Amino acid sequence: MKSAYELAMERLAQSQPAAKLTDAQKQELANISARYEAKIAERTTFLTGKIREAEAKGDAAEADQFRAQLRRDLATLREEMETKKNAVRN
């Protein structure tokens, strides 16, 4: 007997079959991921350093501003990455 999850997944596969990606598309998706992961790592490293500097100075408000900037920047980069990946998929 199949679980409800298995039945739901079968119905989903019937109504929305998984798209087959070409090797070129897979390579492009990997390139996009690598490029954006590098950007994310670079931004994280830079702003983490700024946060530590602000904390060392005892400036909690400035550290909080850098933390907020880091959250915004990471969200923006991840959104851009997903947008570019979706363009390749479609």
PDB file of N, CA and C in Angstrom:
ATOM      1  N   MET A   1       0.845  -1.175   0.000  1.00  0.00           N
ATOM      2  CA  MET A   1       0.000   0.000   0.000  1.00  0.00           C
ATOM      3  C   MET A   1       0.896   1.246   0.000  1.00  0.00           C
ATOM      4  N   LYS A   2       0.552   2.215  -0.824  1.00  0.00           N
ATOM      5  CA  LYS A   2       1.339   3.439  -0.948  1.00  0.00           C
ATOM      6  C   LYS A   2       0.886   4.470   0.078  1.00  0.00           C
ATOM      7  N   SER A   3       1.844   5.279   0.491  1.00  0.00           N
ATOM      8  CA  SER A   3       1.518   6.344   1.432  1.00  0.00           C
ATOM      9  C   SER A   3       0.844   7.497   0.693  1.00  0.00           C
ATOM     10  N   ALA A   4       0.245   8.375   1.444  1.00  0.00           N
ATOM     11  CA  ALA A   4      -0.399   9.553   0.849  1.00  0.00           C
ATOM     12  C   ALA A   4       0.626  10.392   0.108  1.00  0.00           C
ATOM     13  N   TYR A   5       1.829  10.461   0.635  1.00  0.00           N
ATOM     14  CA  TYR A   5       2.893  11.238  -0.010  1.00  0.00           C
ATOM     15  C   TYR A   5       3.225  10.646  -1.376  1.00  0.00           C
ATOM     16  N   GLU A   6       3.382   9.325  -1.438  1.00  0.00           N
ATOM     17  CA  GLU A   6       3.705   8.675  -2.709  1.00  0.00           C
ATOM     18  C   GLU A   6       2.593   8.875  -3.736  1.00  0.00           C
ATOM     19  N   LEU A   7       1.364   8.775  -3.296  1.00  0.00           N
ATOM     20  CA  LEU A   7       0.237   9.000  -4.206  1.00  0.00           C
ATOM     21  C   LEU A   7       0.220  10.443  -4.718  1.00  0.00           C
ATOM     22  N   ALA A   8       0.466  11.372  -3.822  1.00  0.00           N
ATOM     23  CA  ALA A   8       0.488  12.778  -4.221  1.00  0.00           C
ATOM     24  C   ALA A   8       1.608  13.041  -5.220  1.00  0.00           C
ATOM     25  N   MET A   9       2.765  12.440  -4.987  1.00  0.00           N
ATOM     26  CA  MET A   9       3.891  12.637  -5.911  1.00  0.00           C
ATOM     27  C   MET A   9       3.587  12.027  -7.278  1.00  0.00           C
ATOM     28  N   GLU A  10       2.913  10.905  -7.324  1.00  0.00           N
ATOM     29  CA  GLU A  10       2.529  10.303  -8.604  1.00  0.00           C
ATOM     30  C   GLU A  10       1.557  11.201  -9.360  1.00  0.00           C
ATOM     31  N   ARG A  11       0.580  11.749  -8.639  1.00  0.00           N
ATOM     32  CA  ARG A  11      -0.381  12.656  -9.281  1.00  0.00           C
ATOM     33  C   ARG A  11       0.314  13.906  -9.801  1.00  0.00           C
ATOM     34  N   LEU A  12       1.240  14.421  -9.033  1.00  0.00           N
ATOM     35  CA  LEU A  12       1.982  15.606  -9.458  1.00  0.00           C
ATOM     36  C   LEU A  12       2.792  15.298 -10.716  1.00  0.00           C
ATOM     37  N   ALA A  13       3.441  14.153 -10.755  1.00  0.00           N
ATOM     38  CA  ALA A  13       4.240  13.771 -11.912  1.00  0.00           C
ATOM     39  C   ALA A  13       3.374  13.622 -13.153  1.00  0.00           C
ATOM     40  N   GLN A  14       2.145  13.168 -12.988  1.00  0.00           N
ATOM     41  CA  GLN A  14       1.241  13.022 -14.124  1.00  0.00           C
ATOM     42  C   GLN A  14       0.752  14.374 -14.618  1.00  0.00           C
ATOM     43  N   SER A  15       0.453  15.275 -13.699  1.00  0.00           N
ATOM     44  CA  SER A  15      -0.085  16.573 -14.101  1.00  0.00           C
ATOM     45  C   SER A  15       1.001  17.549 -14.534  1.00  0.00           C
ATOM     46  N   GLN A  16       2.183  17.431 -13.945  1.00  0.00           N
ATOM     47  CA  GLN A  16       3.292  18.326 -14.280  1.00  0.00           C
ATOM     48  C   GLN A  16       4.573  17.505 -14.422  1.00  0.00           C
ATOM     49  N   PRO A  17       4.788  16.898 -15.569  1.00  0.00           N
ATOM     50  CA  PRO A  17       5.995  16.084 -15.722  1.00  0.00           C
ATOM     51  C   PRO A  17       7.253  16.937 -15.563  1.00  0.00           C
ATOM     52  N   ALA A  18       8.271  16.342 -14.995  1.00  0.00           N
ATOM     53  CA  ALA A  18       9.535  17.055 -14.782  1.00  0.00           C
ATOM     54  C   ALA A  18      10.163  17.401 -16.126  1.00  0.00           C
ATOM     55  N   ALA A  19      10.660  18.613 -16.226  1.00  0.00           N
ATOM     56  CA  ALA A  19      11.292  19.067 -17.465  1.00  0.00           C
ATOM     57  C   ALA A  19      12.648  18.392 -17.610  1.00  0.00           C
ATOM     58  N   LYS A  20      12.943  17.957 -18.813  1.00  0.00           N
ATOM     59  CA  LYS A  20      14.238  17.349 -19.095  1.00  0.00           C
ATOM     60  C   LYS A  20      15.196  18.460 -19.516  1.00  0.00           C
ATOM     61  N   LEU A  21      16.327  18.518 -18.844  1.00  0.00           N
ATOM     62  CA  LEU A  21      17.326  19.540 -19.150  1.00  0.00           C
ATOM     63  C   LEU A  21      18.396  18.957 -20.057  1.00  0.00           C
ATOM     64  N   THR A  22      18.843  19.768 -20.999  1.00  0.00           N
ATOM     65  CA  THR A  22      19.938  19.345 -21.858  1.00  0.00           C
ATOM     66  C   THR A  22      21.247  19.477 -21.085  1.00  0.00           C
ATOM     67  N   ASP A  23      22.300  18.879 -21.617  1.00  0.00           N
ATOM     68  CA  ASP A  23      23.615  19.001 -20.974  1.00  0.00           C
ATOM     69  C   ASP A  23      24.068  20.454 -20.937  1.00  0.00           C
ATOM     70  N   ALA A  24      23.759  21.207 -21.988  1.00  0.00           N
ATOM     71  CA  ALA A  24      24.134  22.626 -22.030  1.00  0.00           C
ATOM     72  C   ALA A  24      23.408  23.405 -20.938  1.00  0.00           C
ATOM     73  N   GLN A  25      22.131  23.091 -20.736  1.00  0.00           N
ATOM     74  CA  GLN A  25      21.369  23.768 -19.690  1.00  0.00           C
ATOM     75  C   GLN A  25      21.921  23.417 -18.310  1.00  0.00           C
ATOM     76  N   LYS A  26      22.249  22.148 -18.110  1.00  0.00           N
ATOM     77  CA  LYS A  26      22.819  21.733 -16.827  1.00  0.00           C
ATOM     78  C   LYS A  26      24.133  22.452 -16.568  1.00  0.00           C
ATOM     79  N   GLN A  27      24.957  22.578 -17.607  1.00  0.00           N
ATOM     80  CA  GLN A  27      26.237  23.277 -17.463  1.00  0.00           C
ATOM     81  C   GLN A  27      26.025  24.751 -17.152  1.00  0.00           C
ATOM     82  N   GLU A  28      25.070  25.367 -17.821  1.00  0.00           N
ATOM     83  CA  GLU A  28      24.780  26.779 -17.575  1.00  0.00           C
ATOM     84  C   GLU A  28      24.251  26.986 -16.151  1.00  0.00           C
ATOM     85  N   LEU A  29      23.409  26.086 -15.679  1.00  0.00           N
ATOM     86  CA  LEU A  29      22.911  26.175 -14.302  1.00  0.00           C
ATOM     87  C   LEU A  29      24.066  26.047 -13.307  1.00  0.00           C
ATOM     88  N   ALA A  30      24.985  25.136 -13.583  1.00  0.00           N
ATOM     89  CA  ALA A  30      26.150  24.974 -12.703  1.00  0.00           C
ATOM     90  C   ALA A  30      27.017  26.229 -12.719  1.00  0.00           C
ATOM     91  N   ASN A  31      27.194  26.840 -13.892  1.00  0.00           N
ATOM     92  CA  ASN A  31      27.978  28.076 -13.993  1.00  0.00           C
ATOM     93  C   ASN A  31      27.328  29.212 -13.220  1.00  0.00           C
ATOM     94  N   ILE A  32      26.026  29.331 -13.341  1.00  0.00           N
ATOM     95  CA  ILE A  32      25.295  30.385 -12.617  1.00  0.00           C
ATOM     96  C   ILE A  32      25.447  30.172 -11.110  1.00  0.00           C
ATOM     97  N   SER A  33      25.268  28.932 -10.667  1.00  0.00           N
ATOM     98  CA  SER A  33      25.406  28.633  -9.238  1.00  0.00           C
ATOM     99  C   SER A  33      26.799  28.984  -8.740  1.00  0.00           C
ATOM    100  N   ALA A  34      27.809  28.565  -9.474  1.00  0.00           N
ATOM    101  CA  ALA A  34      29.191  28.825  -9.061  1.00  0.00           C
ATOM    102  C   ALA A  34      29.470  30.325  -8.999  1.00  0.00           C
ATOM    103  N   ARG A  35      29.014  31.048 -10.014  1.00  0.00           N
ATOM    104  CA  ARG A  35      29.243  32.495 -10.068  1.00  0.00           C
ATOM    105  C   ARG A  35      28.587  33.195  -8.881  1.00  0.00           C
ATOM    106  N   TYR A  36      27.343  32.848  -8.604  1.00  0.00           N
ATOM    107  CA  TYR A  36      26.629  33.528  -7.527  1.00  0.00           C
ATOM    108  C   TYR A  36      27.086  33.068  -6.145  1.00  0.00           C
ATOM    109  N   GLU A  37      27.477  31.820  -6.002  1.00  0.00           N
ATOM    110  CA  GLU A  37      28.015  31.373  -4.722  1.00  0.00           C
ATOM    111  C   GLU A  37      29.314  32.117  -4.413  1.00  0.00           C
ATOM    112  N   ALA A  38      30.108  32.392  -5.440  1.00  0.00           N
ATOM    113  CA  ALA A  38      31.336  33.170  -5.239  1.00  0.00           C
ATOM    114  C   ALA A  38      31.004  34.606  -4.827  1.00  0.00           C
ATOM    115  N   LYS A  39      30.008  35.191  -5.464  1.00  0.00           N
ATOM    116  CA  LYS A  39      29.589  36.546  -5.096  1.00  0.00           C
ATOM    117  C   LYS A  39      29.075  36.589  -3.659  1.00  0.00           C
ATOM    118  N   ILE A  40      28.306  35.576  -3.290  1.00  0.00           N
ATOM    119  CA  ILE A  40      27.759  35.505  -1.937  1.00  0.00           C
ATOM    120  C   ILE A  40      28.887  35.373  -0.920  1.00  0.00           C
ATOM    121  N   ALA A  41      29.859  34.511  -1.218  1.00  0.00           N
ATOM    122  CA  ALA A  41      30.987  34.319  -0.295  1.00  0.00           C
ATOM    123  C   ALA A  41      31.800  35.603  -0.164  1.00  0.00           C
ATOM    124  N   GLU A  42      32.018  36.287  -1.280  1.00  0.00           N
ATOM    125  CA  GLU A  42      32.781  37.539  -1.260  1.00  0.00           C
ATOM    126  C   GLU A  42      32.065  38.600  -0.413  1.00  0.00           C
ATOM    127  N   ARG A  43      30.779  38.728  -0.628  1.00  0.00           N
ATOM    128  CA  ARG A  43      29.999  39.737   0.105  1.00  0.00           C
ATOM    129  C   ARG A  43      29.937  39.403   1.594  1.00  0.00           C
ATOM    130  N   THR A  44      29.775  38.128   1.902  1.00  0.00           N
ATOM    131  CA  THR A  44      29.725  37.687   3.300  1.00  0.00           C
ATOM    132  C   THR A  44      31.042  37.969   3.999  1.00  0.00           C
ATOM    133  N   THR A  45      32.148  37.649   3.341  1.00  0.00           N
ATOM    134  CA  THR A  45      33.468  37.884   3.920  1.00  0.00           C
ATOM    135  C   THR A  45      33.693  39.371   4.179  1.00  0.00           C
ATOM    136  N   PHE A  46      33.364  40.188   3.185  1.00  0.00           N
ATOM    137  CA  PHE A  46      33.569  41.636   3.315  1.00  0.00           C
ATOM    138  C   PHE A  46      32.746  42.220   4.461  1.00  0.00           C
ATOM    139  N   LEU A  47      31.456  41.925   4.460  1.00  0.00           N
ATOM    140  CA  LEU A  47      30.583  42.537   5.464  1.00  0.00           C
ATOM    141  C   LEU A  47      30.793  41.940   6.855  1.00  0.00           C
ATOM    142  N   THR A  48      31.198  40.685   6.934  1.00  0.00           N
ATOM    143  CA  THR A  48      31.516  40.105   8.233  1.00  0.00           C
ATOM    144  C   THR A  48      32.711  40.841   8.841  1.00  0.00           C
ATOM    145  N   GLY A  49      33.674  41.177   8.001  1.00  0.00           N
ATOM    146  CA  GLY A  49      34.813  41.970   8.481  1.00  0.00           C
ATOM    147  C   GLY A  49      34.378  43.336   8.990  1.00  0.00           C
ATOM    148  N   LYS A  50      33.469  43.968   8.267  1.00  0.00           N
ATOM    149  CA  LYS A  50      32.957  45.274   8.690  1.00  0.00           C
ATOM    150  C   LYS A  50      32.190  45.159  10.017  1.00  0.00           C
ATOM    151  N   ILE A  51      31.438  44.079  10.167  1.00  0.00           N
ATOM    152  CA  ILE A  51      30.691  43.858  11.414  1.00  0.00           C
ATOM    153  C   ILE A  51      31.663  43.711  12.578  1.00  0.00           C
ATOM    154  N   ARG A  52      32.708  42.931  12.366  1.00  0.00           N
ATOM    155  CA  ARG A  52      33.695  42.726  13.432  1.00  0.00           C
ATOM    156  C   ARG A  52      34.412  44.030  13.786  1.00  0.00           C
ATOM    157  N   GLU A  53      34.725  44.835  12.772  1.00  0.00           N
ATOM    158  CA  GLU A  53      35.360  46.128  13.033  1.00  0.00           C
ATOM    159  C   GLU A  53      34.456  47.011  13.874  1.00  0.00           C
ATOM    160  N   ALA A  54      33.171  47.056  13.511  1.00  0.00           N
ATOM    161  CA  ALA A  54      32.217  47.885  14.248  1.00  0.00           C
ATOM    162  C   ALA A  54      32.060  47.388  15.679  1.00  0.00           C
ATOM    163  N   GLU A  55      32.031  46.070  15.848  1.00  0.00           N
ATOM    164  CA  GLU A  55      31.916  45.524  17.199  1.00  0.00           C
ATOM    165  C   GLU A  55      33.168  45.807  18.014  1.00  0.00           C
ATOM    166  N   ALA A  56      34.329  45.764  17.375  1.00  0.00           N
ATOM    167  CA  ALA A  56      35.581  46.052  18.072  1.00  0.00           C
ATOM    168  C   ALA A  56      35.619  47.504  18.549  1.00  0.00           C
ATOM    169  N   LYS A  57      35.008  48.394  17.766  1.00  0.00           N
ATOM    170  CA  LYS A  57      34.925  49.803  18.158  1.00  0.00           C
ATOM    171  C   LYS A  57      33.854  50.019  19.220  1.00  0.00           C
ATOM    172  N   GLY A  58      33.008  49.019  19.415  1.00  0.00           N
ATOM    173  CA  GLY A  58      31.923  49.155  20.386  1.00  0.00           C
ATOM    174  C   GLY A  58      30.706  49.847  19.814  1.00  0.00           C
ATOM    175  N   ASP A  59      30.617  49.926  18.490  1.00  0.00           N
ATOM    176  CA  ASP A  59      29.505  50.600  17.824  1.00  0.00           C
ATOM    177  C   ASP A  59      28.457  49.563  17.392  1.00  0.00           C
ATOM    178  N   ALA A  60      27.538  49.270  18.287  1.00  0.00           N
ATOM    179  CA  ALA A  60      26.521  48.251  18.027  1.00  0.00           C
ATOM    180  C   ALA A  60      25.565  48.673  16.908  1.00  0.00           C
ATOM    181  N   ALA A  61      25.266  49.959  16.828  1.00  0.00           N
ATOM    182  CA  ALA A  61      24.342  50.442  15.798  1.00  0.00           C
ATOM    183  C   ALA A  61      24.934  50.229  14.403  1.00  0.00           C
ATOM    184  N   GLU A  62      26.211  50.540  14.255  1.00  0.00           N
ATOM    185  CA  GLU A  62      26.868  50.344  12.961  1.00  0.00           C
ATOM    186  C   GLU A  62      26.938  48.859  12.617  1.00  0.00           C
ATOM    187  N   ALA A  63      27.228  48.017  13.604  1.00  0.00           N
ATOM    188  CA  ALA A  63      27.273  46.566  13.384  1.00  0.00           C
ATOM    189  C   ALA A  63      25.911  46.055  12.927  1.00  0.00           C
ATOM    190  N   ASP A  64      24.850  46.570  13.549  1.00  0.00           N
ATOM    191  CA  ASP A  64      23.496  46.170  13.146  1.00  0.00           C
ATOM    192  C   ASP A  64      23.184  46.610  11.721  1.00  0.00           C
ATOM    193  N   GLN A  65      23.673  47.792  11.331  1.00  0.00           N
ATOM    194  CA  GLN A  65      23.466  48.261   9.963  1.00  0.00           C
ATOM    195  C   GLN A  65      24.159  47.335   8.969  1.00  0.00           C
ATOM    196  N   PHE A  66      25.372  46.907   9.304  1.00  0.00           N
ATOM    197  CA  PHE A  66      26.092  45.992   8.418  1.00  0.00           C
ATOM    198  C   PHE A  66      25.402  44.628   8.359  1.00  0.00           C
ATOM    199  N   ARG A  67      24.866  44.162   9.484  1.00  0.00           N
ATOM    200  CA  ARG A  67      24.122  42.893   9.482  1.00  0.00           C
ATOM    201  C   ARG A  67      22.888  42.983   8.588  1.00  0.00           C
ATOM    202  N   ALA A  68      22.181  44.096   8.688  1.00  0.00           N
ATOM    203  CA  ALA A  68      20.999  44.302   7.849  1.00  0.00           C
ATOM    204  C   ALA A  68      21.394  44.370   6.379  1.00  0.00           C
ATOM    205  N   GLN A  69      22.487  45.053   6.091  1.00  0.00           N
ATOM    206  CA  GLN A  69      22.970  45.147   4.714  1.00  0.00           C
ATOM    207  C   GLN A  69      23.346  43.760   4.193  1.00  0.00           C
ATOM    208  N   LEU A  70      23.976  42.962   5.034  1.00  0.00           N
ATOM    209  CA  LEU A  70      24.358  41.602   4.638  1.00  0.00           C
ATOM    210  C   LEU A  70      23.115  40.779   4.298  1.00  0.00           C
ATOM    211  N   ARG A  71      22.080  40.859   5.138  1.00  0.00           N
ATOM    212  CA  ARG A  71      20.842  40.122   4.861  1.00  0.00           C
ATOM    213  C   ARG A  71      20.222  40.558   3.538  1.00  0.00           C
ATOM    214  N   ARG A  72      20.175  41.877   3.314  1.00  0.00           N
ATOM    215  CA  ARG A  72      19.592  42.388   2.064  1.00  0.00           C
ATOM    216  C   ARG A  72      20.410  41.948   0.854  1.00  0.00           C
ATOM    217  N   ASP A  73      21.727  42.077   0.952  1.00  0.00           N
ATOM    218  CA  ASP A  73      22.594  41.719  -0.173  1.00  0.00           C
ATOM    219  C   ASP A  73      22.488  40.236  -0.510  1.00  0.00           C
ATOM    220  N   LEU A  74      22.476  39.396   0.512  1.00  0.00           N
ATOM    221  CA  LEU A  74      22.367  37.955   0.269  1.00  0.00           C
ATOM    222  C   LEU A  74      21.022  37.602  -0.354  1.00  0.00           C
ATOM    223  N   ALA A  75      19.964  38.213   0.126  1.00  0.00           N
ATOM    224  CA  ALA A  75      18.637  37.952  -0.439  1.00  0.00           C
ATOM    225  C   ALA A  75      18.587  38.383  -1.901  1.00  0.00           C
ATOM    226  N   THR A  76      19.168  39.538  -2.201  1.00  0.00           N
ATOM    227  CA  THR A  76      19.181  40.044  -3.571  1.00  0.00           C
ATOM    228  C   THR A  76      19.973  39.115  -4.484  1.00  0.00           C
ATOM    229  N   LEU A  77      21.151  38.692  -4.033  1.00  0.00           N
ATOM    230  CA  LEU A  77      21.980  37.808  -4.850  1.00  0.00           C
ATOM    231  C   LEU A  77      21.289  36.463  -5.088  1.00  0.00           C
ATOM    232  N   ARG A  78      20.667  35.921  -4.061  1.00  0.00           N
ATOM    233  CA  ARG A  78      19.974  34.638  -4.225  1.00  0.00           C
ATOM    234  C   ARG A  78      18.786  34.772  -5.166  1.00  0.00           C
ATOM    235  N   GLU A  79      18.091  35.890  -5.075  1.00  0.00           N
ATOM    236  CA  GLU A  79      16.955  36.126  -5.970  1.00  0.00           C
ATOM    237  C   GLU A  79      17.423  36.255  -7.410  1.00  0.00           C
ATOM    238  N   GLU A  80      18.511  36.994  -7.634  1.00  0.00           N
ATOM    239  CA  GLU A  80      19.069  37.123  -8.975  1.00  0.00           C
ATOM    240  C   GLU A  80      19.482  35.759  -9.525  1.00  0.00           C
ATOM    241  N   MET A  81      20.110  34.943  -8.676  1.00  0.00           N
ATOM    242  CA  MET A  81      20.550  33.619  -9.099  1.00  0.00           C
ATOM    243  C   MET A  81      19.357  32.770  -9.531  1.00  0.00           C
ATOM    244  N   GLU A  82      18.302  32.760  -8.738  1.00  0.00           N
ATOM    245  CA  GLU A  82      17.124  31.962  -9.077  1.00  0.00           C
ATOM    246  C   GLU A  82      16.446  32.471 -10.342  1.00  0.00           C
ATOM    247  N   THR A  83      16.420  33.786 -10.532  1.00  0.00           N
ATOM    248  CA  THR A  83      15.825  34.353 -11.740  1.00  0.00           C
ATOM    249  C   THR A  83      16.586  33.893 -12.978  1.00  0.00           C
ATOM    250  N   LYS A  84      17.914  33.932 -12.908  1.00  0.00           N
ATOM    251  CA  LYS A  84      18.729  33.500 -14.040  1.00  0.00           C
ATOM    252  C   LYS A  84      18.596  32.005 -14.278  1.00  0.00           C
ATOM    253  N   LYS A  85      18.519  31.217 -13.213  1.00  0.00           N
ATOM    254  CA  LYS A  85      18.338  29.783 -13.364  1.00  0.00           C
ATOM    255  C   LYS A  85      16.993  29.468 -13.995  1.00  0.00           C
ATOM    256  N   ASN A  86      15.941  30.157 -13.575  1.00  0.00           N
ATOM    257  CA  ASN A  86      14.615  29.929 -14.151  1.00  0.00           C
ATOM    258  C   ASN A  86      14.578  30.299 -15.621  1.00  0.00           C
ATOM    259  N   ALA A  87      15.325  31.324 -16.011  1.00  0.00           N
ATOM    260  CA  ALA A  87      15.387  31.705 -17.423  1.00  0.00           C
ATOM    261  C   ALA A  87      16.036  30.583 -18.240  1.00  0.00           C
ATOM    262  N   VAL A  88      17.033  29.938 -17.686  1.00  0.00           N
ATOM    263  CA  VAL A  88      17.692  28.829 -18.384  1.00  0.00           C
ATOM    264  C   VAL A  88      16.754  27.619 -18.460  1.00  0.00           C
ATOM    265  N   ARG A  89      16.048  27.359 -17.378  1.00  0.00           N
ATOM    266  CA  ARG A  89      15.144  26.205 -17.331  1.00  0.00           C
ATOM    267  C   ARG A  89      13.990  26.347 -18.311  1.00  0.00           C
ATOM    268  N   ASN A  90      13.531  27.557 -18.520  1.00  0.00           N
ATOM    269  CA  ASN A  90      12.376  27.794 -19.391  1.00  0.00           C
ATOM    270  C   ASN A  90      12.875  28.239 -20.698  1.00  0.00           C
TER     271      ASN A  90
END
